[in-house]
Amino acid sequence: MPQLSQWFIKTAIVYLVIGMLMGIGMAMSQDHRLVGAHAHLNLLGWASSALFGFYYNANPHKAAWTLAKVQFWISTAGIVLMVPALAALLLGYPQFEPVVAIASLLALLGALMFLVNVFKR
């Protein structure tokens, strides 16, 4: 398995565990204000990162491209910045809105890089 695939899958598992802990915490407390951050962590973090990892495992020649490695770091930065900033925003701290916006653009950039890698020959 290419190292890049391992990076994506290992980070996806970390996102999965954190997402599950967030979900359990919300259920136990009956406070669901963080459901948006929870959803972003599970979809962008767990699901997308796992998908990226499995794709690059099935296409190891594309995992070797520099663009794929940059995609990992851009996508990871977007998720790691977005989830806590979105949580803070949802808890009533509007000053985190610019961080959420920048992190969202990073996540989008990572997705666009993946698109290029998939459609590139």
N, C-alpha and C. Protein backbone atom coordinates (compact mmCIF):
# COMPACT_ATOMS: atom_id res chain seq x y z
N MET A 1 0.86 -1.18 0.00
CA MET A 1 0.00 0.00 0.00
C MET A 1 0.89 1.24 0.00
N PRO A 2 0.63 2.19 -0.92
CA PRO A 2 1.43 3.41 -0.95
C PRO A 2 1.36 4.17 0.39
N GLN A 3 2.45 4.82 0.71
CA GLN A 3 2.51 5.57 1.97
C GLN A 3 1.39 6.61 2.04
N LEU A 4 1.10 7.26 0.92
CA LEU A 4 0.04 8.27 0.91
C LEU A 4 -1.31 7.66 1.27
N SER A 5 -1.58 6.47 0.78
CA SER A 5 -2.83 5.77 1.14
C SER A 5 -2.88 5.53 2.64
N GLN A 6 -1.77 5.12 3.19
CA GLN A 6 -1.71 4.88 4.64
C GLN A 6 -1.97 6.17 5.41
N TRP A 7 -1.39 7.28 4.95
CA TRP A 7 -1.62 8.56 5.62
C TRP A 7 -3.10 8.91 5.64
N PHE A 8 -3.74 8.80 4.47
CA PHE A 8 -5.17 9.13 4.39
C PHE A 8 -6.00 8.20 5.27
N ILE A 9 -5.73 6.92 5.21
CA ILE A 9 -6.54 5.96 5.98
C ILE A 9 -6.31 6.12 7.48
N LYS A 10 -5.08 6.33 7.88
CA LYS A 10 -4.81 6.51 9.32
C LYS A 10 -5.44 7.78 9.86
N THR A 11 -5.36 8.87 9.10
CA THR A 11 -6.01 10.10 9.58
C THR A 11 -7.53 9.93 9.56
N ALA A 12 -8.06 9.20 8.58
CA ALA A 12 -9.50 8.94 8.53
C ALA A 12 -9.96 8.21 9.79
N ILE A 13 -9.17 7.26 10.25
CA ILE A 13 -9.53 6.51 11.46
C ILE A 13 -9.52 7.43 12.68
N VAL A 14 -8.56 8.33 12.74
CA VAL A 14 -8.53 9.30 13.85
C VAL A 14 -9.80 10.16 13.80
N TYR A 15 -10.16 10.64 12.61
CA TYR A 15 -11.39 11.44 12.47
C TYR A 15 -12.62 10.62 12.87
N LEU A 16 -12.64 9.35 12.51
CA LEU A 16 -13.77 8.47 12.86
C LEU A 16 -13.94 8.39 14.37
N VAL A 17 -12.85 8.15 15.08
CA VAL A 17 -12.92 8.01 16.54
C VAL A 17 -13.34 9.33 17.18
N ILE A 18 -12.76 10.43 16.74
CA ILE A 18 -13.14 11.73 17.30
C ILE A 18 -14.61 12.02 17.00
N GLY A 19 -15.05 11.73 15.78
CA GLY A 19 -16.45 11.93 15.41
C GLY A 19 -17.39 11.10 16.25
N MET A 20 -17.01 9.85 16.51
CA MET A 20 -17.85 9.00 17.36
C MET A 20 -17.91 9.54 18.78
N LEU A 21 -16.78 9.99 19.30
CA LEU A 21 -16.77 10.57 20.64
C LEU A 21 -17.63 11.82 20.71
N MET A 22 -17.57 12.65 19.66
CA MET A 22 -18.44 13.84 19.63
C MET A 22 -19.91 13.44 19.63
N GLY A 23 -20.25 12.44 18.82
CA GLY A 23 -21.63 11.98 18.75
C GLY A 23 -22.12 11.42 20.07
N ILE A 24 -21.29 10.63 20.71
CA ILE A 24 -21.65 10.06 22.01
C ILE A 24 -21.81 11.18 23.04
N GLY A 25 -20.88 12.15 23.01
CA GLY A 25 -20.97 13.28 23.94
C GLY A 25 -22.25 14.07 23.75
N MET A 26 -22.63 14.31 22.50
CA MET A 26 -23.88 15.04 22.25
C MET A 26 -25.09 14.24 22.72
N ALA A 27 -25.07 12.94 22.48
CA ALA A 27 -26.20 12.10 22.91
C ALA A 27 -26.32 12.07 24.42
N MET A 28 -25.19 11.94 25.10
CA MET A 28 -25.22 11.86 26.57
C MET A 28 -25.67 13.18 27.20
N SER A 29 -25.23 14.28 26.62
CA SER A 29 -25.56 15.59 27.20
C SER A 29 -26.88 16.16 26.70
N GLN A 30 -27.42 15.56 25.64
CA GLN A 30 -28.63 16.08 24.98
C GLN A 30 -28.42 17.50 24.44
N ASP A 31 -27.16 17.87 24.23
CA ASP A 31 -26.80 19.17 23.66
C ASP A 31 -26.27 18.90 22.25
N HIS A 32 -27.06 19.24 21.26
CA HIS A 32 -26.72 18.92 19.88
C HIS A 32 -26.26 20.14 19.07
N ARG A 33 -25.76 21.14 19.76
CA ARG A 33 -25.31 22.34 19.06
C ARG A 33 -24.15 22.08 18.11
N LEU A 34 -23.37 21.04 18.38
CA LEU A 34 -22.18 20.77 17.56
C LEU A 34 -22.45 19.80 16.42
N VAL A 35 -23.72 19.55 16.12
CA VAL A 35 -24.04 18.56 15.09
C VAL A 35 -23.43 18.92 13.73
N GLY A 36 -23.34 20.20 13.42
CA GLY A 36 -22.72 20.61 12.15
C GLY A 36 -21.24 20.28 12.10
N ALA A 37 -20.53 20.53 13.19
CA ALA A 37 -19.10 20.20 13.25
C ALA A 37 -18.92 18.68 13.21
N HIS A 38 -19.79 17.98 13.91
CA HIS A 38 -19.77 16.51 13.93
C HIS A 38 -19.96 15.96 12.51
N ALA A 39 -20.92 16.51 11.78
CA ALA A 39 -21.19 16.05 10.42
C ALA A 39 -20.01 16.33 9.49
N HIS A 40 -19.42 17.52 9.61
CA HIS A 40 -18.27 17.84 8.76
C HIS A 40 -17.08 16.93 9.07
N LEU A 41 -16.87 16.65 10.34
CA LEU A 41 -15.77 15.76 10.71
C LEU A 41 -15.99 14.37 10.13
N ASN A 42 -17.21 13.86 10.23
CA ASN A 42 -17.48 12.52 9.72
C ASN A 42 -17.44 12.45 8.20
N LEU A 43 -17.97 13.46 7.53
CA LEU A 43 -18.03 13.41 6.06
C LEU A 43 -16.72 13.84 5.40
N LEU A 44 -16.18 14.98 5.80
CA LEU A 44 -14.92 15.42 5.21
C LEU A 44 -13.73 14.66 5.79
N GLY A 45 -13.79 14.41 7.09
CA GLY A 45 -12.68 13.74 7.74
C GLY A 45 -12.66 12.25 7.49
N TRP A 46 -13.63 11.55 8.06
CA TRP A 46 -13.65 10.09 7.98
C TRP A 46 -13.94 9.61 6.56
N ALA A 47 -15.08 9.97 6.00
CA ALA A 47 -15.51 9.39 4.73
C ALA A 47 -14.61 9.82 3.56
N SER A 48 -14.37 11.12 3.42
CA SER A 48 -13.57 11.58 2.29
C SER A 48 -12.12 11.12 2.38
N SER A 49 -11.54 11.22 3.56
CA SER A 49 -10.14 10.80 3.70
C SER A 49 -9.98 9.30 3.44
N ALA A 50 -10.93 8.51 3.92
CA ALA A 50 -10.87 7.07 3.65
C ALA A 50 -11.01 6.81 2.15
N LEU A 51 -11.94 7.51 1.50
CA LEU A 51 -12.12 7.36 0.06
C LEU A 51 -10.85 7.73 -0.69
N PHE A 52 -10.22 8.84 -0.31
CA PHE A 52 -8.96 9.24 -0.94
C PHE A 52 -7.91 8.14 -0.77
N GLY A 53 -7.80 7.63 0.44
CA GLY A 53 -6.81 6.59 0.72
C GLY A 53 -7.04 5.33 -0.10
N PHE A 54 -8.29 4.89 -0.19
CA PHE A 54 -8.60 3.69 -0.97
C PHE A 54 -8.39 3.93 -2.47
N TYR A 55 -8.71 5.13 -2.94
CA TYR A 55 -8.48 5.44 -4.36
C TYR A 55 -6.98 5.38 -4.67
N TYR A 56 -6.17 6.01 -3.84
CA TYR A 56 -4.73 6.02 -4.11
C TYR A 56 -4.12 4.62 -3.94
N ASN A 57 -4.71 3.80 -3.10
CA ASN A 57 -4.25 2.42 -2.99
C ASN A 57 -4.55 1.66 -4.29
N ALA A 58 -5.70 1.92 -4.88
CA ALA A 58 -6.08 1.25 -6.13
C ALA A 58 -5.33 1.83 -7.34
N ASN A 59 -4.80 3.04 -7.20
CA ASN A 59 -4.08 3.73 -8.28
C ASN A 59 -2.74 4.24 -7.76
N PRO A 60 -1.82 3.33 -7.42
CA PRO A 60 -0.57 3.75 -6.76
C PRO A 60 0.28 4.70 -7.60
N HIS A 61 0.17 4.63 -8.92
CA HIS A 61 0.96 5.56 -9.75
C HIS A 61 0.51 7.01 -9.52
N LYS A 62 -0.77 7.21 -9.21
CA LYS A 62 -1.25 8.57 -8.93
C LYS A 62 -0.87 9.01 -7.52
N ALA A 63 -0.71 8.07 -6.61
CA ALA A 63 -0.29 8.40 -5.24
C ALA A 63 1.14 8.92 -5.22
N ALA A 64 1.92 8.59 -6.23
CA ALA A 64 3.31 9.02 -6.28
C ALA A 64 3.46 10.46 -6.77
N TRP A 65 2.41 11.03 -7.32
CA TRP A 65 2.48 12.39 -7.84
C TRP A 65 2.56 13.40 -6.70
N THR A 66 3.32 14.45 -6.92
CA THR A 66 3.45 15.51 -5.93
C THR A 66 2.09 16.13 -5.60
N LEU A 67 1.24 16.29 -6.61
CA LEU A 67 -0.08 16.89 -6.38
C LEU A 67 -0.87 16.10 -5.35
N ALA A 68 -0.76 14.78 -5.38
CA ALA A 68 -1.49 13.93 -4.41
C ALA A 68 -0.98 14.18 -2.99
N LYS A 69 0.31 14.32 -2.85
CA LYS A 69 0.88 14.57 -1.52
C LYS A 69 0.48 15.95 -1.00
N VAL A 70 0.50 16.94 -1.88
CA VAL A 70 0.06 18.28 -1.49
C VAL A 70 -1.42 18.24 -1.13
N GLN A 71 -2.20 17.46 -1.87
CA GLN A 71 -3.63 17.32 -1.57
C GLN A 71 -3.84 16.80 -0.15
N PHE A 72 -3.02 15.84 0.26
CA PHE A 72 -3.15 15.31 1.63
C PHE A 72 -3.01 16.44 2.64
N TRP A 73 -1.96 17.25 2.50
CA TRP A 73 -1.69 18.29 3.49
C TRP A 73 -2.72 19.41 3.44
N ILE A 74 -3.16 19.78 2.25
CA ILE A 74 -4.19 20.82 2.11
C ILE A 74 -5.52 20.33 2.71
N SER A 75 -5.91 19.11 2.36
CA SER A 75 -7.17 18.54 2.88
C SER A 75 -7.12 18.41 4.39
N THR A 76 -6.00 17.93 4.90
CA THR A 76 -5.85 17.75 6.34
C THR A 76 -5.91 19.10 7.06
N ALA A 77 -5.22 20.09 6.52
CA ALA A 77 -5.25 21.42 7.13
C ALA A 77 -6.67 21.97 7.14
N GLY A 78 -7.40 21.78 6.05
CA GLY A 78 -8.78 22.26 6.00
C GLY A 78 -9.65 21.64 7.06
N ILE A 79 -9.53 20.33 7.23
CA ILE A 79 -10.35 19.62 8.22
C ILE A 79 -9.95 20.00 9.64
N VAL A 80 -8.65 20.00 9.90
CA VAL A 80 -8.15 20.28 11.25
C VAL A 80 -8.48 21.71 11.68
N LEU A 81 -8.49 22.63 10.74
CA LEU A 81 -8.88 24.01 11.06
C LEU A 81 -10.40 24.17 11.13
N MET A 82 -11.10 23.53 10.22
CA MET A 82 -12.54 23.75 10.11
C MET A 82 -13.33 23.23 11.29
N VAL A 83 -13.07 22.01 11.72
CA VAL A 83 -13.94 21.38 12.72
C VAL A 83 -13.93 22.15 14.05
N PRO A 84 -12.77 22.45 14.64
CA PRO A 84 -12.83 23.20 15.90
C PRO A 84 -13.35 24.63 15.71
N ALA A 85 -13.01 25.27 14.58
CA ALA A 85 -13.51 26.63 14.34
C ALA A 85 -15.03 26.62 14.15
N LEU A 86 -15.54 25.62 13.43
CA LEU A 86 -16.99 25.51 13.25
C LEU A 86 -17.67 25.22 14.59
N ALA A 87 -17.05 24.38 15.40
CA ALA A 87 -17.60 24.10 16.73
C ALA A 87 -17.68 25.39 17.55
N ALA A 88 -16.61 26.18 17.52
CA ALA A 88 -16.61 27.46 18.26
C ALA A 88 -17.69 28.39 17.71
N LEU A 89 -17.82 28.46 16.40
CA LEU A 89 -18.86 29.29 15.79
C LEU A 89 -20.25 28.85 16.23
N LEU A 90 -20.48 27.55 16.24
CA LEU A 90 -21.79 27.02 16.65
C LEU A 90 -22.07 27.24 18.14
N LEU A 91 -21.01 27.38 18.92
CA LEU A 91 -21.18 27.64 20.35
C LEU A 91 -21.32 29.13 20.66
N GLY A 92 -21.35 29.95 19.61
CA GLY A 92 -21.61 31.38 19.82
C GLY A 92 -20.41 32.29 19.76
N TYR A 93 -19.34 31.88 19.10
CA TYR A 93 -18.14 32.70 18.97
C TYR A 93 -17.99 33.13 17.51
N PRO A 94 -18.66 34.21 17.11
CA PRO A 94 -18.67 34.61 15.70
C PRO A 94 -17.31 35.00 15.14
N GLN A 95 -16.35 35.29 16.00
CA GLN A 95 -15.02 35.66 15.51
C GLN A 95 -14.33 34.51 14.78
N PHE A 96 -14.86 33.29 14.88
CA PHE A 96 -14.27 32.14 14.20
C PHE A 96 -14.79 31.96 12.77
N GLU A 97 -15.73 32.81 12.37
CA GLU A 97 -16.29 32.69 11.02
C GLU A 97 -15.23 32.80 9.92
N PRO A 98 -14.27 33.74 10.00
CA PRO A 98 -13.24 33.79 8.96
C PRO A 98 -12.38 32.52 8.90
N VAL A 99 -12.13 31.91 10.05
CA VAL A 99 -11.35 30.67 10.08
C VAL A 99 -12.13 29.56 9.38
N VAL A 100 -13.43 29.49 9.65
CA VAL A 100 -14.28 28.49 8.99
C VAL A 100 -14.26 28.72 7.48
N ALA A 101 -14.34 29.97 7.06
CA ALA A 101 -14.34 30.29 5.63
C ALA A 101 -13.03 29.87 4.97
N ILE A 102 -11.90 30.20 5.59
CA ILE A 102 -10.60 29.83 5.04
C ILE A 102 -10.44 28.31 5.02
N ALA A 103 -10.83 27.66 6.10
CA ALA A 103 -10.72 26.20 6.17
C ALA A 103 -11.61 25.54 5.13
N SER A 104 -12.78 26.10 4.89
CA SER A 104 -13.68 25.57 3.85
C SER A 104 -13.03 25.67 2.48
N LEU A 105 -12.36 26.78 2.22
CA LEU A 105 -11.67 26.95 0.95
C LEU A 105 -10.52 25.96 0.81
N LEU A 106 -9.82 25.69 1.91
CA LEU A 106 -8.76 24.67 1.88
C LEU A 106 -9.34 23.30 1.57
N ALA A 107 -10.45 22.96 2.21
CA ALA A 107 -11.10 21.67 1.95
C ALA A 107 -11.54 21.57 0.49
N LEU A 108 -12.09 22.65 -0.03
CA LEU A 108 -12.50 22.67 -1.44
C LEU A 108 -11.29 22.51 -2.35
N LEU A 109 -10.21 23.21 -2.04
CA LEU A 109 -8.99 23.09 -2.83
C LEU A 109 -8.48 21.65 -2.83
N GLY A 110 -8.52 21.00 -1.66
CA GLY A 110 -8.13 19.59 -1.59
C GLY A 110 -9.00 18.72 -2.47
N ALA A 111 -10.30 18.98 -2.48
CA ALA A 111 -11.22 18.21 -3.32
C ALA A 111 -10.94 18.46 -4.81
N LEU A 112 -10.64 19.70 -5.15
CA LEU A 112 -10.31 20.01 -6.55
C LEU A 112 -9.01 19.35 -6.98
N MET A 113 -8.05 19.28 -6.07
CA MET A 113 -6.79 18.59 -6.37
C MET A 113 -7.05 17.10 -6.61
N PHE A 114 -7.93 16.53 -5.82
CA PHE A 114 -8.31 15.13 -6.01
C PHE A 114 -8.98 14.96 -7.37
N LEU A 115 -9.86 15.87 -7.72
CA LEU A 115 -10.53 15.82 -9.02
C LEU A 115 -9.50 15.80 -10.15
N VAL A 116 -8.50 16.68 -10.06
CA VAL A 116 -7.45 16.72 -11.09
C VAL A 116 -6.72 15.39 -11.13
N ASN A 117 -6.37 14.84 -9.97
CA ASN A 117 -5.65 13.57 -9.95
C ASN A 117 -6.47 12.44 -10.54
N VAL A 118 -7.77 12.42 -10.27
CA VAL A 118 -8.62 11.35 -10.79
C VAL A 118 -8.75 11.44 -12.31
N PHE A 119 -8.96 12.65 -12.83
CA PHE A 119 -9.20 12.79 -14.26
C PHE A 119 -7.93 12.93 -15.10
N LYS A 120 -6.81 13.14 -14.44
CA LYS A 120 -5.53 13.24 -15.15
C LYS A 120 -5.10 11.84 -15.57
N ARG A 121 -4.54 11.74 -16.74
CA ARG A 121 -4.14 10.41 -17.24
C ARG A 121 -2.94 9.88 -16.53
